[in-house]
Amino acid sequence: MTDDAQEPDGDQPRPGDCAPPGGTAGRPRPDRNRPSEPSEELLELLHDVLRTVRRDAAERLGDDITPGQLRLLRTLDRCDRPRRLGELAVALDVAPRSVTSKVDQAEQDGWVRRVPDPDDRRATLVELTDAGHDLLDRMSARRHEGARARLEVLDDDEQRTLLDLLRRVARD
């Protein structure tokens, strides 16, 4: 091997490698022995707890639903009436074609249905079915079970303290 063709350093990302958690590809990883910023740790802990609760709930239900589909169903559930695909795309902050594929899959699964728009016969609206409402109810119950399980590692005083602190942090 010549001096010009050195082997890549094992600590350095190679082209095509994924970005390290919390960083960007090509940027050195933070020193894990050094305490992180409190704001960074708060974000990571909140993300980890919520991700775990969501994942556990989905696994317990056994339904093959993606986070994006669940978000679509939850958005429809909060609407006061059926919505057009474009309105859903805006509410979800995604491209309209992404909503179309999510609605197609949710319709196949029986969680939503398309209905004619009474104000524009060229347009269709999307609404939750009873099965979609039932899925959200079951998912919500499972998520609450998961959150309770996370809190059970704390005694009653610790739970109250944690919730009081989170309420303070959550206030605007």
N, C-alpha and C. Protein backbone atom coordinates (compact mmCIF):
# COMPACT_ATOMS: atom_id res chain seq x y z
N MET A 1 0.84 -1.18 0.00
CA MET A 1 0.00 0.00 0.00
C MET A 1 0.89 1.24 0.00
N THR A 2 0.55 2.22 -0.80
CA THR A 2 1.35 3.44 -0.88
C THR A 2 0.90 4.41 0.20
N ASP A 3 1.72 5.46 0.39
CA ASP A 3 1.37 6.47 1.38
C ASP A 3 0.10 7.20 1.00
N ASP A 4 -0.18 7.31 -0.32
CA ASP A 4 -1.37 8.04 -0.76
C ASP A 4 -2.65 7.26 -0.48
N ALA A 5 -2.56 5.95 -0.44
CA ALA A 5 -3.75 5.11 -0.25
C ALA A 5 -3.74 4.52 1.14
N GLN A 6 -4.13 5.32 2.10
CA GLN A 6 -4.17 4.84 3.47
C GLN A 6 -5.53 4.20 3.75
N GLU A 7 -5.52 3.25 4.70
CA GLU A 7 -6.79 2.66 5.09
C GLU A 7 -7.58 3.68 5.87
N PRO A 8 -8.91 3.63 5.72
CA PRO A 8 -9.71 4.60 6.47
C PRO A 8 -9.59 4.35 7.96
N ASP A 9 -9.56 5.43 8.70
CA ASP A 9 -9.51 5.36 10.15
C ASP A 9 -10.84 4.80 10.64
N GLY A 10 -10.81 3.82 11.53
CA GLY A 10 -12.02 3.17 12.02
C GLY A 10 -12.97 4.13 12.74
N ASP A 11 -12.45 5.25 13.25
CA ASP A 11 -13.30 6.19 13.97
C ASP A 11 -13.97 7.20 13.04
N GLN A 12 -13.50 7.27 11.81
CA GLN A 12 -14.04 8.25 10.88
C GLN A 12 -15.11 7.61 10.00
N PRO A 13 -16.24 8.30 9.77
CA PRO A 13 -17.25 7.74 8.88
C PRO A 13 -16.73 7.65 7.46
N ARG A 14 -17.15 6.60 6.77
CA ARG A 14 -16.79 6.43 5.38
C ARG A 14 -17.95 6.87 4.51
N PRO A 15 -17.72 7.19 3.24
CA PRO A 15 -18.83 7.55 2.37
C PRO A 15 -19.89 6.46 2.40
N GLY A 16 -21.15 6.86 2.55
CA GLY A 16 -22.24 5.90 2.59
C GLY A 16 -22.60 5.45 3.98
N ASP A 17 -21.74 5.75 4.99
CA ASP A 17 -22.08 5.40 6.36
C ASP A 17 -23.21 6.29 6.84
N CYS A 18 -23.96 5.79 7.81
CA CYS A 18 -25.03 6.58 8.40
C CYS A 18 -24.43 7.63 9.32
N ALA A 19 -25.18 8.67 9.50
CA ALA A 19 -24.74 9.71 10.43
C ALA A 19 -24.78 9.15 11.84
N PRO A 20 -23.84 9.53 12.69
CA PRO A 20 -23.87 9.07 14.07
C PRO A 20 -25.08 9.66 14.78
N PRO A 21 -25.62 8.98 15.78
CA PRO A 21 -26.75 9.53 16.52
C PRO A 21 -26.40 10.91 17.06
N GLY A 22 -27.32 11.84 16.85
CA GLY A 22 -27.13 13.18 17.35
C GLY A 22 -26.11 13.99 16.57
N GLY A 23 -25.64 13.48 15.45
CA GLY A 23 -24.64 14.22 14.69
C GLY A 23 -24.88 14.10 13.21
N THR A 24 -23.95 14.64 12.46
CA THR A 24 -24.04 14.62 11.02
C THR A 24 -22.88 13.81 10.49
N ALA A 25 -23.10 13.08 9.41
CA ALA A 25 -22.01 12.30 8.82
C ALA A 25 -20.84 13.22 8.54
N GLY A 26 -19.65 12.76 8.87
CA GLY A 26 -18.46 13.56 8.63
C GLY A 26 -18.07 14.42 9.82
N ARG A 27 -18.98 14.62 10.74
CA ARG A 27 -18.70 15.39 11.93
C ARG A 27 -18.28 14.42 13.03
N PRO A 28 -17.27 14.75 13.82
CA PRO A 28 -16.85 13.82 14.87
C PRO A 28 -17.97 13.60 15.88
N ARG A 29 -18.04 12.38 16.41
CA ARG A 29 -19.03 12.05 17.42
C ARG A 29 -18.70 12.80 18.70
N PRO A 30 -19.74 13.17 19.45
CA PRO A 30 -19.47 13.82 20.73
C PRO A 30 -18.81 12.84 21.68
N ASP A 31 -18.04 13.38 22.60
CA ASP A 31 -17.37 12.56 23.60
C ASP A 31 -18.43 12.04 24.56
N ARG A 32 -18.68 10.71 24.55
CA ARG A 32 -19.74 10.12 25.37
C ARG A 32 -19.37 10.11 26.85
N ASN A 33 -18.10 10.35 27.18
CA ASN A 33 -17.68 10.39 28.58
C ASN A 33 -17.96 11.76 29.20
N ARG A 34 -18.16 12.75 28.35
CA ARG A 34 -18.43 14.09 28.81
C ARG A 34 -19.94 14.26 28.98
N PRO A 35 -20.39 14.87 30.06
CA PRO A 35 -21.84 15.07 30.23
C PRO A 35 -22.40 15.91 29.09
N SER A 36 -23.57 15.52 28.61
CA SER A 36 -24.18 16.28 27.52
C SER A 36 -24.86 17.52 28.10
N GLU A 37 -25.20 18.41 27.20
CA GLU A 37 -25.95 19.59 27.61
C GLU A 37 -27.29 19.13 28.17
N PRO A 38 -27.80 19.77 29.21
CA PRO A 38 -29.11 19.37 29.76
C PRO A 38 -30.22 19.40 28.71
N SER A 39 -30.20 20.39 27.82
CA SER A 39 -31.26 20.47 26.80
C SER A 39 -31.17 19.28 25.85
N GLU A 40 -29.96 18.87 25.49
CA GLU A 40 -29.78 17.72 24.61
C GLU A 40 -30.26 16.45 25.30
N GLU A 41 -29.89 16.30 26.56
CA GLU A 41 -30.30 15.10 27.30
C GLU A 41 -31.82 15.05 27.47
N LEU A 42 -32.44 16.20 27.75
CA LEU A 42 -33.89 16.26 27.88
C LEU A 42 -34.56 15.79 26.59
N LEU A 43 -34.10 16.32 25.46
CA LEU A 43 -34.69 15.93 24.18
C LEU A 43 -34.51 14.44 23.91
N GLU A 44 -33.32 13.93 24.17
CA GLU A 44 -33.06 12.51 23.93
C GLU A 44 -33.91 11.62 24.85
N LEU A 45 -34.02 12.00 26.12
CA LEU A 45 -34.81 11.20 27.05
C LEU A 45 -36.29 11.22 26.70
N LEU A 46 -36.82 12.39 26.38
CA LEU A 46 -38.23 12.48 25.99
C LEU A 46 -38.49 11.64 24.73
N HIS A 47 -37.60 11.77 23.76
CA HIS A 47 -37.74 11.00 22.53
C HIS A 47 -37.70 9.50 22.81
N ASP A 48 -36.74 9.08 23.62
CA ASP A 48 -36.60 7.66 23.94
C ASP A 48 -37.84 7.11 24.65
N VAL A 49 -38.34 7.85 25.62
CA VAL A 49 -39.52 7.37 26.36
C VAL A 49 -40.73 7.29 25.44
N LEU A 50 -40.97 8.34 24.66
CA LEU A 50 -42.14 8.34 23.78
C LEU A 50 -42.03 7.28 22.69
N ARG A 51 -40.85 7.12 22.12
CA ARG A 51 -40.65 6.11 21.09
C ARG A 51 -40.90 4.71 21.65
N THR A 52 -40.41 4.46 22.84
CA THR A 52 -40.59 3.15 23.46
C THR A 52 -42.06 2.89 23.78
N VAL A 53 -42.75 3.88 24.29
CA VAL A 53 -44.18 3.71 24.60
C VAL A 53 -44.96 3.44 23.31
N ARG A 54 -44.67 4.20 22.25
CA ARG A 54 -45.37 3.98 20.97
C ARG A 54 -45.07 2.60 20.41
N ARG A 55 -43.80 2.22 20.41
CA ARG A 55 -43.40 0.92 19.86
C ARG A 55 -44.04 -0.22 20.64
N ASP A 56 -44.00 -0.14 21.96
CA ASP A 56 -44.60 -1.19 22.78
C ASP A 56 -46.10 -1.30 22.52
N ALA A 57 -46.77 -0.16 22.39
CA ALA A 57 -48.22 -0.18 22.14
C ALA A 57 -48.51 -0.85 20.80
N ALA A 58 -47.75 -0.51 19.78
CA ALA A 58 -47.96 -1.11 18.45
C ALA A 58 -47.71 -2.61 18.49
N GLU A 59 -46.66 -3.03 19.20
CA GLU A 59 -46.35 -4.46 19.29
C GLU A 59 -47.44 -5.22 20.04
N ARG A 60 -47.96 -4.63 21.10
CA ARG A 60 -49.01 -5.31 21.87
C ARG A 60 -50.30 -5.44 21.08
N LEU A 61 -50.59 -4.45 20.25
CA LEU A 61 -51.81 -4.52 19.44
C LEU A 61 -51.68 -5.53 18.32
N GLY A 62 -50.47 -5.69 17.83
CA GLY A 62 -50.25 -6.61 16.73
C GLY A 62 -50.70 -6.05 15.40
N ASP A 63 -51.19 -4.81 15.37
CA ASP A 63 -51.59 -4.20 14.10
C ASP A 63 -50.36 -3.72 13.37
N ASP A 64 -50.36 -3.91 12.09
CA ASP A 64 -49.24 -3.49 11.27
C ASP A 64 -49.48 -2.05 10.84
N ILE A 65 -49.20 -1.12 11.75
CA ILE A 65 -49.43 0.30 11.47
C ILE A 65 -48.12 1.05 11.66
N THR A 66 -47.83 1.91 10.71
CA THR A 66 -46.61 2.71 10.80
C THR A 66 -46.89 3.98 11.60
N PRO A 67 -45.85 4.61 12.12
CA PRO A 67 -46.06 5.88 12.82
C PRO A 67 -46.76 6.92 11.93
N GLY A 68 -46.43 6.94 10.64
CA GLY A 68 -47.07 7.89 9.73
C GLY A 68 -48.56 7.62 9.56
N GLN A 69 -48.94 6.34 9.48
CA GLN A 69 -50.35 6.00 9.37
C GLN A 69 -51.09 6.38 10.66
N LEU A 70 -50.45 6.10 11.79
CA LEU A 70 -51.06 6.43 13.07
C LEU A 70 -51.27 7.95 13.17
N ARG A 71 -50.30 8.69 12.72
CA ARG A 71 -50.41 10.16 12.73
C ARG A 71 -51.56 10.62 11.85
N LEU A 72 -51.72 9.98 10.69
CA LEU A 72 -52.84 10.30 9.81
C LEU A 72 -54.17 10.04 10.51
N LEU A 73 -54.30 8.88 11.14
CA LEU A 73 -55.55 8.54 11.82
C LEU A 73 -55.82 9.49 12.98
N ARG A 74 -54.79 9.83 13.72
CA ARG A 74 -54.98 10.75 14.85
C ARG A 74 -55.37 12.13 14.36
N THR A 75 -54.81 12.55 13.24
CA THR A 75 -55.18 13.85 12.67
C THR A 75 -56.64 13.84 12.24
N LEU A 76 -57.06 12.79 11.55
CA LEU A 76 -58.47 12.69 11.15
C LEU A 76 -59.39 12.66 12.36
N ASP A 77 -58.96 12.01 13.42
CA ASP A 77 -59.77 11.90 14.63
C ASP A 77 -59.99 13.27 15.26
N ARG A 78 -59.02 14.16 15.14
CA ARG A 78 -59.14 15.51 15.72
C ARG A 78 -59.94 16.47 14.84
N CYS A 79 -60.21 16.07 13.61
CA CYS A 79 -60.96 16.94 12.69
C CYS A 79 -62.44 16.91 13.04
N ASP A 80 -63.10 18.04 12.79
CA ASP A 80 -64.53 18.13 13.08
C ASP A 80 -65.39 17.59 11.93
N ARG A 81 -64.73 17.23 10.82
CA ARG A 81 -65.46 16.71 9.66
C ARG A 81 -64.47 15.98 8.75
N PRO A 82 -64.96 15.22 7.78
CA PRO A 82 -64.03 14.59 6.82
C PRO A 82 -63.20 15.66 6.10
N ARG A 83 -62.00 15.29 5.68
CA ARG A 83 -61.07 16.25 5.07
C ARG A 83 -60.61 15.81 3.70
N ARG A 84 -60.27 16.79 2.88
CA ARG A 84 -59.66 16.51 1.58
C ARG A 84 -58.20 16.11 1.79
N LEU A 85 -57.67 15.39 0.81
CA LEU A 85 -56.27 14.96 0.89
C LEU A 85 -55.33 16.14 1.04
N GLY A 86 -55.58 17.21 0.31
CA GLY A 86 -54.72 18.39 0.40
C GLY A 86 -54.72 19.01 1.78
N GLU A 87 -55.88 19.03 2.43
CA GLU A 87 -55.96 19.56 3.79
C GLU A 87 -55.16 18.68 4.75
N LEU A 88 -55.26 17.37 4.54
CA LEU A 88 -54.49 16.45 5.39
C LEU A 88 -53.00 16.63 5.18
N ALA A 89 -52.59 16.84 3.92
CA ALA A 89 -51.16 17.05 3.64
C ALA A 89 -50.65 18.28 4.38
N VAL A 90 -51.44 19.35 4.39
CA VAL A 90 -51.05 20.56 5.11
C VAL A 90 -50.99 20.30 6.61
N ALA A 91 -52.01 19.63 7.14
CA ALA A 91 -52.06 19.36 8.57
C ALA A 91 -50.90 18.47 9.01
N LEU A 92 -50.50 17.53 8.15
CA LEU A 92 -49.41 16.61 8.48
C LEU A 92 -48.04 17.15 8.07
N ASP A 93 -48.04 18.25 7.31
CA ASP A 93 -46.81 18.86 6.80
C ASP A 93 -46.00 17.86 5.96
N VAL A 94 -46.71 17.21 5.02
CA VAL A 94 -46.08 16.27 4.11
C VAL A 94 -46.55 16.55 2.69
N ALA A 95 -45.90 15.93 1.73
CA ALA A 95 -46.29 16.09 0.32
C ALA A 95 -47.63 15.40 0.08
N PRO A 96 -48.48 15.96 -0.78
CA PRO A 96 -49.78 15.34 -1.07
C PRO A 96 -49.67 13.88 -1.50
N ARG A 97 -48.66 13.52 -2.29
CA ARG A 97 -48.54 12.12 -2.74
C ARG A 97 -48.29 11.19 -1.57
N SER A 98 -47.64 11.70 -0.51
CA SER A 98 -47.41 10.89 0.68
C SER A 98 -48.73 10.60 1.39
N VAL A 99 -49.60 11.59 1.45
CA VAL A 99 -50.92 11.39 2.06
C VAL A 99 -51.73 10.40 1.24
N THR A 100 -51.64 10.50 -0.07
CA THR A 100 -52.39 9.58 -0.93
C THR A 100 -52.02 8.14 -0.63
N SER A 101 -50.73 7.85 -0.53
CA SER A 101 -50.32 6.47 -0.27
C SER A 101 -50.72 6.03 1.13
N LYS A 102 -50.66 6.93 2.12
CA LYS A 102 -51.08 6.57 3.48
C LYS A 102 -52.58 6.30 3.52
N VAL A 103 -53.35 7.13 2.83
CA VAL A 103 -54.81 6.94 2.80
C VAL A 103 -55.15 5.66 2.05
N ASP A 104 -54.45 5.40 0.95
CA ASP A 104 -54.68 4.14 0.22
C ASP A 104 -54.50 2.93 1.13
N GLN A 105 -53.40 2.91 1.89
CA GLN A 105 -53.12 1.79 2.78
C GLN A 105 -54.14 1.72 3.91
N ALA A 106 -54.46 2.87 4.51
CA ALA A 106 -55.42 2.89 5.61
C ALA A 106 -56.81 2.47 5.12
N GLU A 107 -57.13 2.80 3.88
CA GLU A 107 -58.41 2.39 3.32
C GLU A 107 -58.42 0.87 3.10
N GLN A 108 -57.32 0.34 2.59
CA GLN A 108 -57.20 -1.11 2.44
C GLN A 108 -57.34 -1.83 3.77
N ASP A 109 -56.80 -1.23 4.82
CA ASP A 109 -56.85 -1.83 6.15
C ASP A 109 -58.21 -1.63 6.82
N GLY A 110 -59.08 -0.81 6.20
CA GLY A 110 -60.42 -0.59 6.75
C GLY A 110 -60.50 0.49 7.80
N TRP A 111 -59.45 1.30 7.94
CA TRP A 111 -59.42 2.33 8.97
C TRP A 111 -59.99 3.67 8.52
N VAL A 112 -60.01 3.93 7.20
CA VAL A 112 -60.60 5.15 6.66
C VAL A 112 -61.43 4.78 5.44
N ARG A 113 -62.27 5.73 5.04
CA ARG A 113 -62.99 5.57 3.77
C ARG A 113 -63.03 6.92 3.07
N ARG A 114 -63.11 6.85 1.77
CA ARG A 114 -63.27 8.05 0.95
C ARG A 114 -64.76 8.24 0.71
N VAL A 115 -65.19 9.48 0.84
CA VAL A 115 -66.60 9.82 0.61
C VAL A 115 -66.66 11.02 -0.32
N PRO A 116 -67.73 11.15 -1.10
CA PRO A 116 -67.84 12.30 -2.01
C PRO A 116 -67.92 13.61 -1.22
N ASP A 117 -67.33 14.63 -1.77
CA ASP A 117 -67.41 15.97 -1.17
C ASP A 117 -68.75 16.56 -1.58
N PRO A 118 -69.63 16.87 -0.64
CA PRO A 118 -70.94 17.40 -1.00
C PRO A 118 -70.88 18.78 -1.67
N ASP A 119 -69.77 19.49 -1.47
CA ASP A 119 -69.63 20.83 -2.04
C ASP A 119 -68.94 20.83 -3.41
N ASP A 120 -68.30 19.73 -3.78
CA ASP A 120 -67.56 19.66 -5.04
C ASP A 120 -67.56 18.21 -5.50
N ARG A 121 -68.36 17.89 -6.49
CA ARG A 121 -68.50 16.49 -6.89
C ARG A 121 -67.23 15.90 -7.50
N ARG A 122 -66.25 16.75 -7.83
CA ARG A 122 -64.98 16.25 -8.35
C ARG A 122 -64.04 15.80 -7.24
N ALA A 123 -64.31 16.23 -6.03
CA ALA A 123 -63.39 15.97 -4.92
C ALA A 123 -63.93 14.87 -4.01
N THR A 124 -62.99 14.25 -3.28
CA THR A 124 -63.37 13.27 -2.27
C THR A 124 -62.81 13.71 -0.92
N LEU A 125 -63.48 13.25 0.09
CA LEU A 125 -63.06 13.51 1.46
C LEU A 125 -62.65 12.19 2.09
N VAL A 126 -61.89 12.28 3.16
CA VAL A 126 -61.45 11.09 3.90
C VAL A 126 -61.97 11.21 5.32
N GLU A 127 -62.53 10.09 5.81
CA GLU A 127 -63.01 10.05 7.19
C GLU A 127 -62.63 8.72 7.83
N LEU A 128 -62.56 8.73 9.15
CA LEU A 128 -62.28 7.50 9.89
C LEU A 128 -63.49 6.58 9.85
N THR A 129 -63.24 5.29 9.80
CA THR A 129 -64.30 4.29 9.94
C THR A 129 -64.41 3.93 11.42
N ASP A 130 -65.42 3.14 11.75
CA ASP A 130 -65.52 2.66 13.13
C ASP A 130 -64.28 1.86 13.50
N ALA A 131 -63.76 1.07 12.55
CA ALA A 131 -62.54 0.29 12.81
C ALA A 131 -61.36 1.22 13.09
N GLY A 132 -61.28 2.36 12.41
CA GLY A 132 -60.23 3.33 12.66
C GLY A 132 -60.34 3.94 14.04
N HIS A 133 -61.58 4.28 14.44
CA HIS A 133 -61.80 4.81 15.79
C HIS A 133 -61.43 3.75 16.84
N ASP A 134 -61.83 2.52 16.60
CA ASP A 134 -61.51 1.43 17.53
C ASP A 134 -60.00 1.24 17.67
N LEU A 135 -59.30 1.28 16.54
CA LEU A 135 -57.84 1.14 16.58
C LEU A 135 -57.22 2.24 17.42
N LEU A 136 -57.66 3.48 17.22
CA LEU A 136 -57.11 4.60 17.99
C LEU A 136 -57.42 4.44 19.48
N ASP A 137 -58.61 3.97 19.80
CA ASP A 137 -58.96 3.75 21.21
C ASP A 137 -58.05 2.68 21.83
N ARG A 138 -57.85 1.58 21.11
CA ARG A 138 -56.99 0.51 21.62
C ARG A 138 -55.55 0.99 21.74
N MET A 139 -55.08 1.73 20.73
CA MET A 139 -53.71 2.24 20.75
C MET A 139 -53.52 3.21 21.92
N SER A 140 -54.50 4.06 22.16
CA SER A 140 -54.41 5.01 23.27
C SER A 140 -54.34 4.27 24.60
N ALA A 141 -55.17 3.24 24.76
CA ALA A 141 -55.15 2.46 26.00
C ALA A 141 -53.79 1.80 26.20
N ARG A 142 -53.22 1.26 25.13
CA ARG A 142 -51.92 0.58 25.23
C ARG A 142 -50.81 1.59 25.53
N ARG A 143 -50.91 2.77 24.95
CA ARG A 143 -49.89 3.79 25.22
C ARG A 143 -49.95 4.21 26.69
N HIS A 144 -51.15 4.35 27.22
CA HIS A 144 -51.28 4.70 28.63
C HIS A 144 -50.72 3.59 29.52
N GLU A 145 -50.95 2.34 29.13
CA GLU A 145 -50.36 1.22 29.87
C GLU A 145 -48.84 1.32 29.85
N GLY A 146 -48.28 1.63 28.70
CA GLY A 146 -46.83 1.76 28.57
C GLY A 146 -46.29 2.90 29.41
N ALA A 147 -47.00 4.03 29.41
CA ALA A 147 -46.55 5.17 30.22
C ALA A 147 -46.63 4.82 31.71
N ARG A 148 -47.70 4.14 32.10
CA ARG A 148 -47.82 3.72 33.51
C ARG A 148 -46.67 2.79 33.88
N ALA A 149 -46.33 1.87 32.98
CA ALA A 149 -45.23 0.94 33.26
C ALA A 149 -43.92 1.70 33.44
N ARG A 150 -43.70 2.76 32.66
CA ARG A 150 -42.48 3.55 32.80
C ARG A 150 -42.47 4.25 34.16
N LEU A 151 -43.63 4.76 34.57
CA LEU A 151 -43.72 5.48 35.85
C LEU A 151 -43.59 4.55 37.05
N GLU A 152 -43.92 3.28 36.88
CA GLU A 152 -43.88 2.34 38.01
C GLU A 152 -42.48 2.11 38.56
N VAL A 153 -41.45 2.50 37.82
CA VAL A 153 -40.09 2.36 38.36
C VAL A 153 -39.82 3.42 39.42
N LEU A 154 -40.73 4.38 39.55
CA LEU A 154 -40.60 5.44 40.54
C LEU A 154 -41.62 5.23 41.65
N ASP A 155 -41.26 5.66 42.87
CA ASP A 155 -42.27 5.61 43.93
C ASP A 155 -43.23 6.79 43.75
N ASP A 156 -44.27 6.84 44.57
CA ASP A 156 -45.30 7.87 44.41
C ASP A 156 -44.75 9.28 44.50
N ASP A 157 -43.85 9.53 45.45
CA ASP A 157 -43.26 10.86 45.59
C ASP A 157 -42.43 11.23 44.36
N GLU A 158 -41.65 10.28 43.85
CA GLU A 158 -40.85 10.55 42.65
C GLU A 158 -41.73 10.82 41.44
N GLN A 159 -42.83 10.08 41.32
CA GLN A 159 -43.76 10.33 40.21
C GLN A 159 -44.32 11.74 40.28
N ARG A 160 -44.76 12.15 41.48
CA ARG A 160 -45.31 13.50 41.64
C ARG A 160 -44.25 14.55 41.30
N THR A 161 -43.03 14.34 41.77
CA THR A 161 -41.94 15.28 41.50
C THR A 161 -41.66 15.36 39.99
N LEU A 162 -41.55 14.22 39.34
CA LEU A 162 -41.30 14.20 37.90
C LEU A 162 -42.40 14.95 37.16
N LEU A 163 -43.65 14.65 37.47
CA LEU A 163 -44.76 15.30 36.77
C LEU A 163 -44.81 16.80 37.07
N ASP A 164 -44.53 17.20 38.32
CA ASP A 164 -44.49 18.63 38.65
C ASP A 164 -43.40 19.34 37.85
N LEU A 165 -42.22 18.73 37.76
CA LEU A 165 -41.12 19.34 37.00
C LEU A 165 -41.45 19.42 35.51
N LEU A 166 -42.03 18.36 34.97
CA LEU A 166 -42.40 18.40 33.55
C LEU A 166 -43.47 19.45 33.27
N ARG A 167 -44.41 19.62 34.19
CA ARG A 167 -45.42 20.67 34.02
C ARG A 167 -44.75 22.05 33.99
N ARG A 168 -43.78 22.27 34.86
CA ARG A 168 -43.07 23.56 34.85
C ARG A 168 -42.33 23.77 33.55
N VAL A 169 -41.68 22.73 33.06
CA VAL A 169 -40.91 22.83 31.81
C VAL A 169 -41.85 23.04 30.62
N ALA A 170 -43.03 22.43 30.67
CA ALA A 170 -43.95 22.48 29.54
C ALA A 170 -44.69 23.82 29.43
N ARG A 171 -44.74 24.57 30.49
CA ARG A 171 -45.44 25.87 30.45
C ARG A 171 -44.74 26.83 29.49
N ASP A 172 -45.56 27.60 28.81
CA ASP A 172 -45.00 28.65 27.91
C ASP A 172 -44.70 29.90 28.68
